[in-house]
Amino acid sequence: MTAYQNRWLHKFEFKKDRWIYVPSLEERNKGLAFLDDLYLKWTPPLYYYHLRNGGHIAALKAHLENKYFTHIDIKGFFNSTGRSRITRVLKEFYQFEKAREIAKFSTVKNLVNSTPSHVLPFGFVQSPILATLCLHKSFLGNKIRECFNRKDIKISVYMDDIIISSSEKELLDEIYMELLKAVVRSNYYINEEKKNPPSDHVVVFNIHLSHLHLKITEKRIVDLLIDYTKAKSNHVKEGIKSYVKTVNSEQYKIFK
């Protein structure tokens, strides 16, 4: 077993081309120590909702006041974040040797594509923050920041999902096209299957988002009902009910 392989206990393919790495205790502690240090040097902007309280629901609720919505999904977000990109971004906070060391112990061999050769894995504690930092420092990250600073646009990011809204359809059309171009220019990939052009409603995270309204999709609510019925633990049942109530109080009533 190589020194690199010692960083994880095992890995498994969760679904096609999605490998999960279970880090060793040493790797996990090393990752946590790095996170503590990086947070002293960089504070993630508020629009990165996966790095703050409220999660994906808060990322959707930020848009409720607007009338038009759009969604861009970055395909293979971690797989687009290679060792060289990480090193380049970390040089703003660390000496080159240290930045390179962090990039090396935070990446694994790319099992999906030939390039980048080494990428961030699912499962390592530092992967989300490193992927986000690289996004933030990219051309796309600059565009996202510009949108956030505007009063006529709302934007939120939850990992690889970018949600944008406005009360002006023409403006949102323009911003949407600019962001699509920025994704490509930043060497990320657009998930064409999940791309949602500007409309008066959008479905993200299995939730319908429209003006002043959130509603869990029918398929997802059925799945939650099945899980609720099968659950033997009251803690699990209450967790499901609490989630549904946070999204839509009317849908919550069917769980009583």
Protein backbone atom coordinates (compact mmCIF):
# COMPACT_ATOMS: atom_id res chain seq x y z
CA MET A 1 0.00 0.00 0.00
CA THR A 2 1.37 3.41 -0.95
CA ALA A 3 1.66 6.40 1.36
CA TYR A 4 -1.20 8.07 -0.51
CA GLN A 5 -3.48 5.06 -0.01
CA ASN A 6 -2.84 5.20 3.73
CA ARG A 7 -4.94 8.36 3.79
CA TRP A 8 -8.18 6.43 3.43
CA LEU A 9 -9.53 3.23 4.95
CA HIS A 10 -11.47 2.26 1.85
CA LYS A 11 -13.35 3.70 -1.09
CA PHE A 12 -16.53 2.67 -2.89
CA GLU A 13 -18.52 3.75 -5.93
CA PHE A 14 -21.72 5.31 -4.58
CA LYS A 15 -23.08 5.67 -8.12
CA LYS A 16 -21.53 5.80 -11.56
CA ASP A 17 -18.36 7.89 -11.49
CA ARG A 18 -19.04 8.99 -7.90
CA TRP A 19 -16.40 7.51 -5.61
CA ILE A 20 -16.60 7.99 -1.84
CA TYR A 21 -13.39 7.86 0.19
CA VAL A 22 -13.53 7.03 3.91
CA PRO A 23 -10.53 8.87 5.39
CA SER A 24 -8.25 7.38 8.00
CA LEU A 25 -8.29 8.99 11.45
CA GLU A 26 -4.93 10.58 10.71
CA GLU A 27 -6.16 12.04 7.42
CA ARG A 28 -9.36 13.30 9.04
CA ASN A 29 -7.46 15.01 11.85
CA LYS A 30 -5.04 16.51 9.35
CA GLY A 31 -7.94 17.82 7.31
CA LEU A 32 -9.65 19.30 10.37
CA ALA A 33 -6.43 21.02 11.46
CA PHE A 34 -6.11 22.56 8.00
CA LEU A 35 -9.74 23.75 8.12
CA ASP A 36 -9.17 25.45 11.47
CA ASP A 37 -6.12 27.23 10.08
CA LEU A 38 -7.75 28.24 6.79
CA TYR A 39 -10.79 29.71 8.57
CA LEU A 40 -8.39 32.03 10.39
CA LYS A 41 -7.21 33.30 7.01
CA TRP A 42 -10.41 33.28 4.92
CA THR A 43 -14.07 33.85 5.75
CA PRO A 44 -16.46 32.37 3.15
CA PRO A 45 -18.96 34.92 1.77
CA LEU A 46 -22.53 34.56 3.00
CA TYR A 47 -23.85 33.38 -0.36
CA TYR A 48 -22.08 30.01 0.02
CA TYR A 49 -24.93 28.38 1.89
CA HIS A 50 -23.28 24.96 2.32
CA LEU A 51 -20.78 26.69 4.62
CA ARG A 52 -23.35 28.37 6.89
CA ASN A 53 -26.45 27.55 8.91
CA GLY A 54 -29.70 26.88 7.08
CA GLY A 55 -28.29 24.81 4.25
CA HIS A 56 -30.10 24.31 0.95
CA ILE A 57 -33.48 25.45 2.26
CA ALA A 58 -32.04 28.81 3.28
CA ALA A 59 -30.40 28.99 -0.16
CA LEU A 60 -33.88 28.73 -1.70
CA LYS A 61 -35.67 31.01 0.75
CA ALA A 62 -33.29 33.83 -0.14
CA HIS A 63 -35.13 34.10 -3.47
CA LEU A 64 -38.77 34.03 -2.38
CA GLU A 65 -39.36 37.76 -2.84
CA ASN A 66 -38.44 37.62 -6.53
CA LYS A 67 -40.61 36.56 -9.48
CA TYR A 68 -38.20 34.85 -11.89
CA PHE A 69 -35.69 32.13 -11.17
CA THR A 70 -32.91 30.15 -12.81
CA HIS A 71 -30.51 27.41 -11.81
CA ILE A 72 -27.07 26.29 -12.99
CA ASP A 73 -25.50 23.03 -11.84
CA ILE A 74 -21.73 22.54 -12.12
CA LYS A 75 -21.04 19.02 -13.35
CA GLY A 76 -18.30 17.11 -11.54
CA PHE A 77 -17.52 19.97 -9.15
CA PHE A 78 -14.90 18.09 -7.12
CA ASN A 79 -13.58 16.37 -10.23
CA SER A 80 -12.98 19.78 -11.80
CA THR A 81 -10.89 20.88 -8.83
CA GLY A 82 -7.39 19.59 -9.46
CA ARG A 83 -4.16 19.68 -7.50
CA SER A 84 -2.63 22.53 -9.54
CA ARG A 85 -5.73 24.73 -9.17
CA ILE A 86 -5.72 24.16 -5.40
CA THR A 87 -2.01 24.96 -5.11
CA ARG A 88 -2.42 28.14 -7.14
CA VAL A 89 -5.29 29.39 -4.97
CA LEU A 90 -3.67 28.46 -1.65
CA LYS A 91 -0.52 30.43 -2.52
CA GLU A 92 -2.46 33.53 -1.47
CA PHE A 93 -2.50 32.18 2.08
CA TYR A 94 0.58 29.91 2.33
CA GLN A 95 4.11 29.60 1.01
CA PHE A 96 4.29 27.55 -2.19
CA GLU A 97 5.73 24.46 -0.49
CA LYS A 98 2.97 24.44 2.13
CA ALA A 99 0.27 25.09 -0.48
CA ARG A 100 1.58 22.21 -2.58
CA GLU A 101 1.70 19.91 0.46
CA ILE A 102 -1.93 20.68 1.32
CA ALA A 103 -2.99 20.11 -2.28
CA LYS A 104 -1.20 16.75 -2.34
CA PHE A 105 -2.69 15.30 0.84
CA SER A 106 -6.14 16.65 -0.10
CA THR A 107 -6.38 15.03 -3.56
CA VAL A 108 -6.56 11.52 -5.00
CA LYS A 109 -6.03 10.04 -8.44
CA ASN A 110 -8.81 10.97 -10.85
CA LEU A 111 -10.73 7.76 -11.57
CA VAL A 112 -13.21 9.41 -13.95
CA ASN A 113 -11.21 11.55 -16.38
CA SER A 114 -7.59 11.80 -17.48
CA THR A 115 -7.38 15.45 -16.45
CA PRO A 116 -6.88 16.82 -13.91
CA SER A 117 -4.71 13.88 -12.83
CA HIS A 118 -5.51 14.34 -9.12
CA VAL A 119 -8.76 15.80 -7.76
CA LEU A 120 -10.70 16.41 -4.57
CA PRO A 121 -12.46 13.26 -3.30
CA PHE A 122 -15.91 12.94 -1.79
CA GLY A 123 -15.43 12.05 1.87
CA PHE A 124 -12.41 14.14 2.87
CA VAL A 125 -13.45 16.83 5.37
CA GLN A 126 -11.51 19.56 3.57
CA SER A 127 -12.95 18.89 0.10
CA PRO A 128 -15.99 21.23 0.31
CA ILE A 129 -14.02 24.25 1.54
CA LEU A 130 -11.21 23.74 -0.98
CA ALA A 131 -13.65 23.35 -3.88
CA THR A 132 -15.49 26.48 -2.72
CA LEU A 133 -12.31 28.51 -2.31
CA CYS A 134 -11.19 27.56 -5.83
CA LEU A 135 -14.61 28.51 -7.18
CA HIS A 136 -14.51 31.80 -5.30
CA LYS A 137 -11.13 32.72 -6.78
CA SER A 138 -12.17 31.86 -10.35
CA PHE A 139 -13.69 34.10 -13.02
CA LEU A 140 -17.04 32.49 -12.22
CA GLY A 141 -16.53 33.32 -8.55
CA ASN A 142 -15.99 36.97 -9.46
CA LYS A 143 -19.23 36.98 -11.47
CA ILE A 144 -21.11 35.43 -8.54
CA ARG A 145 -19.74 38.09 -6.22
CA GLU A 146 -20.79 40.85 -8.64
CA CYS A 147 -24.33 39.43 -8.69
CA PHE A 148 -24.44 39.26 -4.90
CA ASN A 149 -23.50 42.93 -4.63
CA ARG A 150 -26.38 44.00 -6.89
CA LYS A 151 -29.75 45.03 -5.47
CA ASP A 152 -31.76 43.77 -8.45
CA ILE A 153 -30.35 40.22 -8.33
CA LYS A 154 -30.36 37.49 -5.69
CA ILE A 155 -27.82 34.69 -5.89
CA SER A 156 -27.05 31.72 -3.66
CA VAL A 157 -24.63 28.83 -4.01
CA TYR A 158 -25.02 25.44 -2.42
CA MET A 159 -21.95 23.35 -3.32
CA ASP A 160 -22.30 22.87 -7.10
CA ASP A 161 -25.76 24.47 -7.43
CA ILE A 162 -26.07 28.15 -8.33
CA ILE A 163 -29.52 29.72 -7.94
CA ILE A 164 -30.23 33.19 -9.32
CA SER A 165 -33.41 35.27 -9.25
CA SER A 166 -34.77 38.70 -10.08
CA SER A 167 -38.08 40.46 -10.53
CA GLU A 168 -36.97 41.51 -14.03
CA LYS A 169 -37.09 38.69 -16.59
CA GLU A 170 -34.89 40.40 -19.19
CA LEU A 171 -32.21 41.13 -16.62
CA LEU A 172 -32.22 37.53 -15.40
CA ASP A 173 -31.91 36.27 -18.98
CA GLU A 174 -28.81 38.41 -19.40
CA ILE A 175 -27.23 37.36 -16.10
CA TYR A 176 -27.97 33.70 -16.82
CA MET A 177 -26.07 33.81 -20.12
CA GLU A 178 -23.16 35.65 -18.52
CA LEU A 179 -22.87 33.01 -15.80
CA LEU A 180 -23.01 30.14 -18.30
CA LYS A 181 -20.09 31.69 -20.18
CA ALA A 182 -18.25 32.24 -16.89
CA VAL A 183 -18.62 28.54 -15.99
CA VAL A 184 -16.87 27.50 -19.20
CA ARG A 185 -14.23 30.23 -18.97
CA SER A 186 -13.37 29.02 -15.45
CA ASN A 187 -12.80 25.46 -16.69
CA TYR A 188 -15.89 24.03 -15.04
CA TYR A 189 -18.59 22.03 -16.80
CA ILE A 190 -22.31 22.72 -17.05
CA ASN A 191 -24.68 19.90 -16.15
CA GLU A 192 -26.97 20.21 -19.15
CA GLU A 193 -29.55 17.82 -17.66
CA LYS A 194 -30.11 20.06 -14.63
CA LYS A 195 -29.86 23.41 -16.37
CA ASN A 196 -32.95 25.59 -15.81
CA PRO A 197 -33.30 28.74 -17.97
CA PRO A 198 -35.10 31.73 -16.39
CA SER A 199 -38.77 31.04 -15.61
CA ASP A 200 -41.44 31.93 -13.07
CA HIS A 201 -40.58 28.73 -11.20
CA VAL A 202 -37.69 26.30 -10.88
CA VAL A 203 -37.09 22.90 -9.25
CA VAL A 204 -33.90 22.58 -7.20
CA PHE A 205 -33.11 20.02 -4.46
CA ASN A 206 -36.46 18.33 -5.23
CA ILE A 207 -38.23 21.53 -4.21
CA HIS A 208 -40.39 23.82 -6.36
CA LEU A 209 -39.36 27.46 -5.98
CA SER A 210 -41.68 30.26 -7.11
CA HIS A 211 -42.72 33.71 -5.91
CA LEU A 212 -43.32 33.48 -2.13
CA HIS A 213 -43.71 29.71 -2.33
CA LEU A 214 -41.72 26.53 -1.71
CA LYS A 215 -43.14 23.05 -2.21
CA ILE A 216 -41.50 19.63 -2.12
CA THR A 217 -41.96 17.70 -5.38
CA GLU A 218 -44.60 14.95 -5.44
CA LYS A 219 -42.05 12.18 -5.91
CA ARG A 220 -39.91 13.41 -3.04
CA ILE A 221 -42.86 13.85 -0.68
CA VAL A 222 -43.98 10.28 -1.43
CA ASP A 223 -40.46 9.02 -0.70
CA LEU A 224 -40.46 10.92 2.58
CA LEU A 225 -43.86 9.48 3.51
CA ILE A 226 -42.57 5.97 2.86
CA ASP A 227 -39.47 6.62 4.97
CA TYR A 228 -41.66 8.12 7.69
CA THR A 229 -43.98 5.11 7.73
CA LYS A 230 -41.13 2.61 7.84
CA ALA A 231 -39.12 4.46 10.48
CA LYS A 232 -39.06 2.78 13.88
CA SER A 233 -37.24 5.62 15.59
CA ASN A 234 -39.24 8.62 16.81
CA HIS A 235 -36.11 10.69 16.32
CA VAL A 236 -36.08 9.82 12.61
CA LYS A 237 -39.81 10.50 12.29
CA GLU A 238 -39.47 13.90 13.94
CA GLY A 239 -36.52 14.72 11.71
CA ILE A 240 -38.58 14.05 8.57
CA LYS A 241 -41.52 16.08 9.88
CA SER A 242 -39.25 18.96 10.86
CA TYR A 243 -37.68 19.05 7.40
CA VAL A 244 -41.05 19.09 5.63
CA LYS A 245 -42.40 21.78 7.96
CA THR A 246 -39.38 23.97 7.22
CA VAL A 247 -40.20 23.81 3.51
CA ASN A 248 -44.01 23.80 3.40
CA SER A 249 -46.40 23.87 6.36
CA GLU A 250 -49.33 22.52 4.29
CA GLN A 251 -47.38 19.43 3.23
CA TYR A 252 -46.33 18.97 6.84
CA LYS A 253 -49.95 18.36 7.85
CA ILE A 254 -50.07 14.98 6.06
CA PHE A 255 -47.42 13.64 8.44
CA LYS A 256 -49.53 14.15 11.56
